[in-house]
Amino acid sequence: MNPNATLLLASASFDSTVRLWDVERGTCQSTLIKHSEPVYSVAFSPDG
């Protein structure tokens, strides 16, 4: 884990989006909109 990296939180939604949040600032950094159905879960993986 990189101590200098931004701490992110991912949220999934029934509106078919996934949002990546900057935890320290409380701001949305990115919104992923390619899903056609509600998103029920997300996961981070160290190998991408």
C-alpha atoms as a PDB file:
ATOM      1  CA  MET A   1       0.000   0.000   0.000  1.00  0.00           C
ATOM      2  CA  ASN A   2       1.323   3.421  -0.949  1.00  0.00           C
ATOM      3  CA  PRO A   3       1.061   5.872   1.982  1.00  0.00           C
ATOM      4  CA  ASN A   4       1.235   8.790  -0.473  1.00  0.00           C
ATOM      5  CA  ALA A   5      -1.667   7.549  -2.603  1.00  0.00           C
ATOM      6  CA  THR A   6      -5.114   9.109  -2.401  1.00  0.00           C
ATOM      7  CA  LEU A   7      -7.461   7.062  -0.218  1.00  0.00           C
ATOM      8  CA  LEU A   8     -10.445   6.150  -2.408  1.00  0.00           C
ATOM      9  CA  LEU A   9     -13.857   4.759  -1.640  1.00  0.00           C
ATOM     10  CA  ALA A  10     -16.030   3.201  -4.346  1.00  0.00           C
ATOM     11  CA  SER A  11     -19.823   3.359  -4.232  1.00  0.00           C
ATOM     12  CA  ALA A  12     -22.194   1.312  -6.361  1.00  0.00           C
ATOM     13  CA  SER A  13     -25.709   2.460  -7.163  1.00  0.00           C
ATOM     14  CA  PHE A  14     -29.100   1.416  -8.475  1.00  0.00           C
ATOM     15  CA  ASP A  15     -28.756   4.229 -11.045  1.00  0.00           C
ATOM     16  CA  SER A  16     -26.135   2.019 -12.806  1.00  0.00           C
ATOM     17  CA  THR A  17     -23.172   4.180 -11.815  1.00  0.00           C
ATOM     18  CA  VAL A  18     -20.017   3.550  -9.825  1.00  0.00           C
ATOM     19  CA  ARG A  19     -18.414   6.550  -8.159  1.00  0.00           C
ATOM     20  CA  LEU A  20     -14.868   6.875  -6.851  1.00  0.00           C
ATOM     21  CA  TRP A  21     -14.567   9.221  -3.886  1.00  0.00           C
ATOM     22  CA  ASP A  22     -11.567  11.006  -2.381  1.00  0.00           C
ATOM     23  CA  VAL A  23     -12.076  10.094   1.277  1.00  0.00           C
ATOM     24  CA  GLU A  24     -10.061  12.982   2.728  1.00  0.00           C
ATOM     25  CA  ARG A  25     -11.795  15.677   0.670  1.00  0.00           C
ATOM     26  CA  GLY A  26     -15.232  14.061   0.485  1.00  0.00           C
ATOM     27  CA  THR A  27     -15.400  14.714  -3.251  1.00  0.00           C
ATOM     28  CA  CYS A  28     -16.334  12.508  -6.174  1.00  0.00           C
ATOM     29  CA  GLN A  29     -13.246  11.966  -8.342  1.00  0.00           C
ATOM     30  CA  SER A  30     -14.818   9.892 -11.107  1.00  0.00           C
ATOM     31  CA  THR A  31     -18.193   8.512 -12.176  1.00  0.00           C
ATOM     32  CA  LEU A  32     -18.297   5.324 -14.250  1.00  0.00           C
ATOM     33  CA  ILE A  33     -21.452   5.233 -16.383  1.00  0.00           C
ATOM     34  CA  LYS A  34     -21.031   2.263 -18.753  1.00  0.00           C
ATOM     35  CA  HIS A  35     -23.212  -0.209 -16.837  1.00  0.00           C
ATOM     36  CA  SER A  36     -26.691  -0.874 -18.204  1.00  0.00           C
ATOM     37  CA  GLU A  37     -28.085  -2.429 -15.002  1.00  0.00           C
ATOM     38  CA  PRO A  38     -27.908  -1.461 -11.307  1.00  0.00           C
ATOM     39  CA  VAL A  39     -24.523  -2.115  -9.687  1.00  0.00           C
ATOM     40  CA  TYR A  40     -24.756  -4.086  -6.452  1.00  0.00           C
ATOM     41  CA  SER A  41     -21.105  -4.336  -5.430  1.00  0.00           C
ATOM     42  CA  VAL A  42     -17.579  -3.227  -6.248  1.00  0.00           C
ATOM     43  CA  ALA A  43     -14.132  -4.590  -5.349  1.00  0.00           C
ATOM     44  CA  PHE A  44     -10.550  -3.381  -5.504  1.00  0.00           C
ATOM     45  CA  SER A  45      -7.820  -5.792  -6.567  1.00  0.00           C
ATOM     46  CA  PRO A  46      -4.065  -5.270  -6.079  1.00  0.00           C
ATOM     47  CA  ASP A  47      -3.342  -6.713  -9.535  1.00  0.00           C
ATOM     48  CA  GLY A  48      -5.910  -4.584 -11.351  1.00  0.00           C
END
